Amino acid sequence: MAHHGAGLRLQLELAGYSREEAVAKVHGLTADYTAIVLEPSDRAALDFAAKLTREPLRMSGEDVDRLRAAGFDDRAIHDICVIAAYYAFVNRIADGLGVELEPRFAS
């Protein structure tokens, strides 16, 4: 999560957030995304990704329906699913191999 959070922080800074705003946003997302103010579509995407990561056997068509209701089309739903699954996969490989965070992403 730290590695991906660092990448997100950099992207937020490129999008115009100050470093402090970007750090606060990433911290809020990693600490508890449900406790911060988000756009409804962002919340729906994160809820879907969190459930897919934590409880994959509980996923159902209703989860996809919630994404559609939040305004996502089939392509976007596919992308949310693939990205969440891929990040979980890569994180498990990195954790399993004991990969350390690169120093440039440490702060």
N, C-alpha and C. Protein backbone atom coordinates (compact mmCIF):
# COMPACT_ATOMS: atom_id res chain seq x y z
N MET A 1 0.83 -1.19 0.00
CA MET A 1 0.00 0.00 0.00
C MET A 1 0.87 1.25 0.00
N ALA A 2 2.01 1.18 0.69
CA ALA A 2 2.88 2.36 0.73
C ALA A 2 3.39 2.71 -0.65
N HIS A 3 3.77 1.70 -1.41
CA HIS A 3 4.30 1.95 -2.75
C HIS A 3 3.23 2.58 -3.64
N HIS A 4 2.04 2.01 -3.64
CA HIS A 4 0.96 2.55 -4.47
C HIS A 4 0.51 3.92 -3.95
N GLY A 5 0.54 4.10 -2.65
CA GLY A 5 0.19 5.40 -2.07
C GLY A 5 1.16 6.47 -2.49
N ALA A 6 2.43 6.12 -2.56
CA ALA A 6 3.44 7.08 -3.00
C ALA A 6 3.20 7.47 -4.46
N GLY A 7 2.85 6.50 -5.26
CA GLY A 7 2.54 6.80 -6.67
C GLY A 7 1.32 7.69 -6.79
N LEU A 8 0.30 7.43 -5.97
CA LEU A 8 -0.90 8.26 -5.98
C LEU A 8 -0.56 9.68 -5.53
N ARG A 9 0.26 9.80 -4.49
CA ARG A 9 0.66 11.13 -4.03
C ARG A 9 1.32 11.91 -5.15
N LEU A 10 2.22 11.26 -5.88
CA LEU A 10 2.88 11.94 -6.99
C LEU A 10 1.87 12.36 -8.06
N GLN A 11 0.91 11.51 -8.36
CA GLN A 11 -0.11 11.84 -9.36
C GLN A 11 -0.98 13.01 -8.89
N LEU A 12 -1.33 13.02 -7.61
CA LEU A 12 -2.12 14.13 -7.07
C LEU A 12 -1.36 15.44 -7.17
N GLU A 13 -0.07 15.40 -6.88
CA GLU A 13 0.75 16.60 -7.00
C GLU A 13 0.80 17.08 -8.45
N LEU A 14 0.92 16.15 -9.38
CA LEU A 14 0.91 16.52 -10.79
C LEU A 14 -0.43 17.11 -11.21
N ALA A 15 -1.49 16.71 -10.53
CA ALA A 15 -2.83 17.21 -10.84
C ALA A 15 -3.12 18.55 -10.16
N GLY A 16 -2.16 19.07 -9.39
CA GLY A 16 -2.34 20.39 -8.80
C GLY A 16 -2.50 20.44 -7.30
N TYR A 17 -2.56 19.30 -6.64
CA TYR A 17 -2.61 19.30 -5.18
C TYR A 17 -1.26 19.74 -4.65
N SER A 18 -1.26 20.46 -3.52
CA SER A 18 0.01 20.74 -2.86
C SER A 18 0.52 19.43 -2.26
N ARG A 19 1.79 19.40 -1.91
CA ARG A 19 2.34 18.18 -1.31
C ARG A 19 1.56 17.81 -0.04
N GLU A 20 1.25 18.82 0.78
CA GLU A 20 0.54 18.58 2.03
C GLU A 20 -0.87 18.03 1.77
N GLU A 21 -1.56 18.61 0.78
CA GLU A 21 -2.90 18.12 0.43
C GLU A 21 -2.84 16.69 -0.09
N ALA A 22 -1.84 16.41 -0.92
CA ALA A 22 -1.69 15.07 -1.49
C ALA A 22 -1.39 14.05 -0.40
N VAL A 23 -0.50 14.40 0.51
CA VAL A 23 -0.16 13.49 1.62
C VAL A 23 -1.39 13.24 2.48
N ALA A 24 -2.16 14.30 2.77
CA ALA A 24 -3.36 14.14 3.59
C ALA A 24 -4.39 13.26 2.90
N LYS A 25 -4.57 13.44 1.60
CA LYS A 25 -5.53 12.64 0.84
C LYS A 25 -5.13 11.16 0.85
N VAL A 26 -3.86 10.90 0.59
CA VAL A 26 -3.38 9.51 0.58
C VAL A 26 -3.50 8.91 1.98
N HIS A 27 -3.15 9.68 2.99
CA HIS A 27 -3.28 9.18 4.37
C HIS A 27 -4.73 8.83 4.67
N GLY A 28 -5.66 9.70 4.30
CA GLY A 28 -7.07 9.42 4.53
C GLY A 28 -7.54 8.17 3.81
N LEU A 29 -7.08 8.01 2.59
CA LEU A 29 -7.47 6.83 1.82
C LEU A 29 -6.91 5.55 2.42
N THR A 30 -5.67 5.59 2.87
CA THR A 30 -5.05 4.37 3.40
C THR A 30 -5.47 4.07 4.84
N ALA A 31 -5.75 5.11 5.61
CA ALA A 31 -6.17 4.89 7.00
C ALA A 31 -7.59 4.34 7.06
N ASP A 32 -8.52 4.99 6.35
CA ASP A 32 -9.91 4.55 6.30
C ASP A 32 -10.64 5.39 5.26
N TYR A 33 -10.69 4.89 4.06
CA TYR A 33 -11.30 5.66 2.97
C TYR A 33 -12.76 5.99 3.25
N THR A 34 -13.42 5.21 4.11
CA THR A 34 -14.83 5.46 4.40
C THR A 34 -15.02 6.68 5.30
N ALA A 35 -13.93 7.18 5.90
CA ALA A 35 -14.03 8.30 6.82
C ALA A 35 -13.73 9.65 6.17
N ILE A 36 -13.44 9.65 4.87
CA ILE A 36 -13.13 10.92 4.20
C ILE A 36 -14.19 11.25 3.17
N VAL A 37 -14.24 12.51 2.80
CA VAL A 37 -15.20 12.98 1.80
C VAL A 37 -14.71 12.57 0.42
N LEU A 38 -15.55 11.86 -0.31
CA LEU A 38 -15.25 11.41 -1.66
C LEU A 38 -16.45 11.64 -2.56
N GLU A 39 -16.20 11.72 -3.84
CA GLU A 39 -17.30 11.75 -4.80
C GLU A 39 -18.03 10.41 -4.70
N PRO A 40 -19.36 10.40 -4.89
CA PRO A 40 -20.11 9.14 -4.80
C PRO A 40 -19.56 8.04 -5.72
N SER A 41 -19.13 8.41 -6.91
CA SER A 41 -18.59 7.39 -7.83
C SER A 41 -17.27 6.83 -7.30
N ASP A 42 -16.44 7.68 -6.70
CA ASP A 42 -15.18 7.19 -6.11
C ASP A 42 -15.46 6.25 -4.95
N ARG A 43 -16.44 6.62 -4.12
CA ARG A 43 -16.81 5.76 -2.99
C ARG A 43 -17.31 4.41 -3.49
N ALA A 44 -18.14 4.40 -4.52
CA ALA A 44 -18.66 3.14 -5.06
C ALA A 44 -17.53 2.27 -5.60
N ALA A 45 -16.59 2.88 -6.32
CA ALA A 45 -15.46 2.12 -6.87
C ALA A 45 -14.61 1.55 -5.74
N LEU A 46 -14.35 2.35 -4.72
CA LEU A 46 -13.53 1.86 -3.60
C LEU A 46 -14.25 0.80 -2.79
N ASP A 47 -15.55 0.94 -2.61
CA ASP A 47 -16.32 -0.10 -1.91
C ASP A 47 -16.23 -1.43 -2.66
N PHE A 48 -16.37 -1.35 -3.98
CA PHE A 48 -16.27 -2.55 -4.82
C PHE A 48 -14.87 -3.17 -4.68
N ALA A 49 -13.84 -2.35 -4.81
CA ALA A 49 -12.46 -2.85 -4.74
C ALA A 49 -12.15 -3.43 -3.37
N ALA A 50 -12.63 -2.78 -2.32
CA ALA A 50 -12.38 -3.30 -0.96
C ALA A 50 -13.06 -4.65 -0.76
N LYS A 51 -14.29 -4.77 -1.21
CA LYS A 51 -14.99 -6.05 -1.06
C LYS A 51 -14.33 -7.14 -1.89
N LEU A 52 -13.93 -6.82 -3.11
CA LEU A 52 -13.26 -7.80 -3.96
C LEU A 52 -11.96 -8.26 -3.33
N THR A 53 -11.26 -7.36 -2.69
CA THR A 53 -9.98 -7.68 -2.06
C THR A 53 -10.16 -8.47 -0.77
N ARG A 54 -11.12 -8.08 0.05
CA ARG A 54 -11.28 -8.67 1.38
C ARG A 54 -12.22 -9.87 1.42
N GLU A 55 -13.24 -9.85 0.56
CA GLU A 55 -14.28 -10.89 0.61
C GLU A 55 -14.68 -11.33 -0.79
N PRO A 56 -13.76 -11.83 -1.58
CA PRO A 56 -14.09 -12.12 -2.98
C PRO A 56 -15.23 -13.11 -3.17
N LEU A 57 -15.38 -14.02 -2.26
CA LEU A 57 -16.46 -15.01 -2.39
C LEU A 57 -17.84 -14.41 -2.18
N ARG A 58 -17.92 -13.21 -1.62
CA ARG A 58 -19.21 -12.55 -1.38
C ARG A 58 -19.62 -11.63 -2.52
N MET A 59 -18.79 -11.50 -3.55
CA MET A 59 -19.14 -10.64 -4.69
C MET A 59 -20.36 -11.20 -5.40
N SER A 60 -21.20 -10.28 -5.91
CA SER A 60 -22.41 -10.70 -6.62
C SER A 60 -22.76 -9.68 -7.69
N GLY A 61 -23.77 -9.99 -8.43
CA GLY A 61 -24.26 -9.06 -9.43
C GLY A 61 -24.72 -7.74 -8.83
N GLU A 62 -25.14 -7.76 -7.59
CA GLU A 62 -25.55 -6.52 -6.92
C GLU A 62 -24.39 -5.54 -6.81
N ASP A 63 -23.17 -6.06 -6.64
CA ASP A 63 -22.00 -5.18 -6.55
C ASP A 63 -21.79 -4.46 -7.89
N VAL A 64 -21.97 -5.18 -8.96
CA VAL A 64 -21.85 -4.58 -10.29
C VAL A 64 -22.98 -3.58 -10.51
N ASP A 65 -24.18 -3.93 -10.06
CA ASP A 65 -25.32 -3.02 -10.19
C ASP A 65 -25.07 -1.70 -9.47
N ARG A 66 -24.41 -1.75 -8.30
CA ARG A 66 -24.10 -0.53 -7.57
C ARG A 66 -23.13 0.36 -8.36
N LEU A 67 -22.19 -0.27 -9.05
CA LEU A 67 -21.28 0.51 -9.89
C LEU A 67 -22.03 1.16 -11.05
N ARG A 68 -22.93 0.41 -11.66
CA ARG A 68 -23.74 0.98 -12.74
C ARG A 68 -24.57 2.16 -12.24
N ALA A 69 -25.16 2.00 -11.06
CA ALA A 69 -25.97 3.07 -10.48
C ALA A 69 -25.13 4.31 -10.17
N ALA A 70 -23.82 4.11 -9.94
CA ALA A 70 -22.91 5.23 -9.67
C ALA A 70 -22.42 5.88 -10.96
N GLY A 71 -22.85 5.33 -12.11
CA GLY A 71 -22.51 5.95 -13.39
C GLY A 71 -21.44 5.26 -14.20
N PHE A 72 -20.98 4.11 -13.76
CA PHE A 72 -19.94 3.40 -14.50
C PHE A 72 -20.54 2.53 -15.60
N ASP A 73 -19.91 2.54 -16.77
CA ASP A 73 -20.34 1.65 -17.85
C ASP A 73 -19.58 0.33 -17.74
N ASP A 74 -19.90 -0.60 -18.64
CA ASP A 74 -19.30 -1.93 -18.57
C ASP A 74 -17.77 -1.89 -18.64
N ARG A 75 -17.22 -1.04 -19.49
CA ARG A 75 -15.76 -0.94 -19.62
C ARG A 75 -15.13 -0.46 -18.31
N ALA A 76 -15.73 0.56 -17.70
CA ALA A 76 -15.21 1.09 -16.44
C ALA A 76 -15.32 0.05 -15.32
N ILE A 77 -16.41 -0.69 -15.30
CA ILE A 77 -16.58 -1.74 -14.29
C ILE A 77 -15.52 -2.81 -14.48
N HIS A 78 -15.28 -3.19 -15.71
CA HIS A 78 -14.22 -4.15 -16.01
C HIS A 78 -12.88 -3.63 -15.50
N ASP A 79 -12.60 -2.37 -15.80
CA ASP A 79 -11.31 -1.78 -15.40
C ASP A 79 -11.17 -1.73 -13.88
N ILE A 80 -12.23 -1.35 -13.17
CA ILE A 80 -12.18 -1.32 -11.70
C ILE A 80 -11.88 -2.71 -11.17
N CYS A 81 -12.55 -3.71 -11.71
CA CYS A 81 -12.35 -5.09 -11.26
C CYS A 81 -10.93 -5.57 -11.55
N VAL A 82 -10.46 -5.34 -12.76
CA VAL A 82 -9.12 -5.81 -13.14
C VAL A 82 -8.04 -5.10 -12.33
N ILE A 83 -8.16 -3.81 -12.15
CA ILE A 83 -7.14 -3.06 -11.41
C ILE A 83 -7.11 -3.50 -9.95
N ALA A 84 -8.28 -3.66 -9.33
CA ALA A 84 -8.31 -4.12 -7.94
C ALA A 84 -7.70 -5.51 -7.81
N ALA A 85 -8.04 -6.41 -8.71
CA ALA A 85 -7.50 -7.77 -8.66
C ALA A 85 -6.00 -7.77 -8.92
N TYR A 86 -5.56 -6.98 -9.88
CA TYR A 86 -4.14 -6.93 -10.21
C TYR A 86 -3.31 -6.38 -9.05
N TYR A 87 -3.78 -5.29 -8.44
CA TYR A 87 -3.04 -4.71 -7.31
C TYR A 87 -2.96 -5.71 -6.17
N ALA A 88 -4.04 -6.41 -5.87
CA ALA A 88 -4.01 -7.42 -4.82
C ALA A 88 -3.00 -8.51 -5.15
N PHE A 89 -2.98 -8.94 -6.39
CA PHE A 89 -2.05 -9.97 -6.85
C PHE A 89 -0.60 -9.51 -6.70
N VAL A 90 -0.30 -8.32 -7.19
CA VAL A 90 1.07 -7.81 -7.14
C VAL A 90 1.50 -7.57 -5.69
N ASN A 91 0.61 -7.05 -4.87
CA ASN A 91 0.95 -6.83 -3.47
C ASN A 91 1.26 -8.13 -2.76
N ARG A 92 0.53 -9.18 -3.07
CA ARG A 92 0.80 -10.46 -2.42
C ARG A 92 2.15 -11.03 -2.87
N ILE A 93 2.50 -10.83 -4.11
CA ILE A 93 3.82 -11.28 -4.57
C ILE A 93 4.91 -10.49 -3.85
N ALA A 94 4.77 -9.17 -3.82
CA ALA A 94 5.78 -8.33 -3.15
C ALA A 94 5.88 -8.68 -1.67
N ASP A 95 4.75 -8.83 -1.00
CA ASP A 95 4.77 -9.19 0.42
C ASP A 95 5.39 -10.57 0.62
N GLY A 96 5.03 -11.51 -0.24
CA GLY A 96 5.55 -12.87 -0.12
C GLY A 96 7.05 -12.95 -0.33
N LEU A 97 7.58 -12.09 -1.15
CA LEU A 97 9.02 -12.08 -1.42
C LEU A 97 9.78 -11.12 -0.51
N GLY A 98 9.07 -10.40 0.34
CA GLY A 98 9.72 -9.46 1.24
C GLY A 98 10.30 -8.24 0.55
N VAL A 99 9.68 -7.84 -0.55
CA VAL A 99 10.17 -6.68 -1.31
C VAL A 99 10.03 -5.43 -0.45
N GLU A 100 11.11 -4.67 -0.36
CA GLU A 100 11.12 -3.43 0.41
C GLU A 100 10.75 -2.25 -0.49
N LEU A 101 10.15 -1.25 0.11
CA LEU A 101 9.79 -0.03 -0.59
C LEU A 101 11.06 0.70 -1.04
N GLU A 102 11.08 1.16 -2.28
CA GLU A 102 12.22 1.91 -2.78
C GLU A 102 12.35 3.21 -2.01
N PRO A 103 13.57 3.64 -1.69
CA PRO A 103 13.75 4.86 -0.90
C PRO A 103 13.05 6.08 -1.48
N ARG A 104 12.97 6.20 -2.80
CA ARG A 104 12.35 7.37 -3.41
C ARG A 104 10.85 7.45 -3.12
N PHE A 105 10.23 6.36 -2.67
CA PHE A 105 8.81 6.36 -2.35
C PHE A 105 8.55 6.42 -0.84
N ALA A 106 9.58 6.49 -0.06
CA ALA A 106 9.44 6.38 1.40
C ALA A 106 8.76 7.58 2.05
N SER A 107 8.79 8.74 1.43
CA SER A 107 8.18 9.90 2.10
C SER A 107 7.03 10.45 1.30
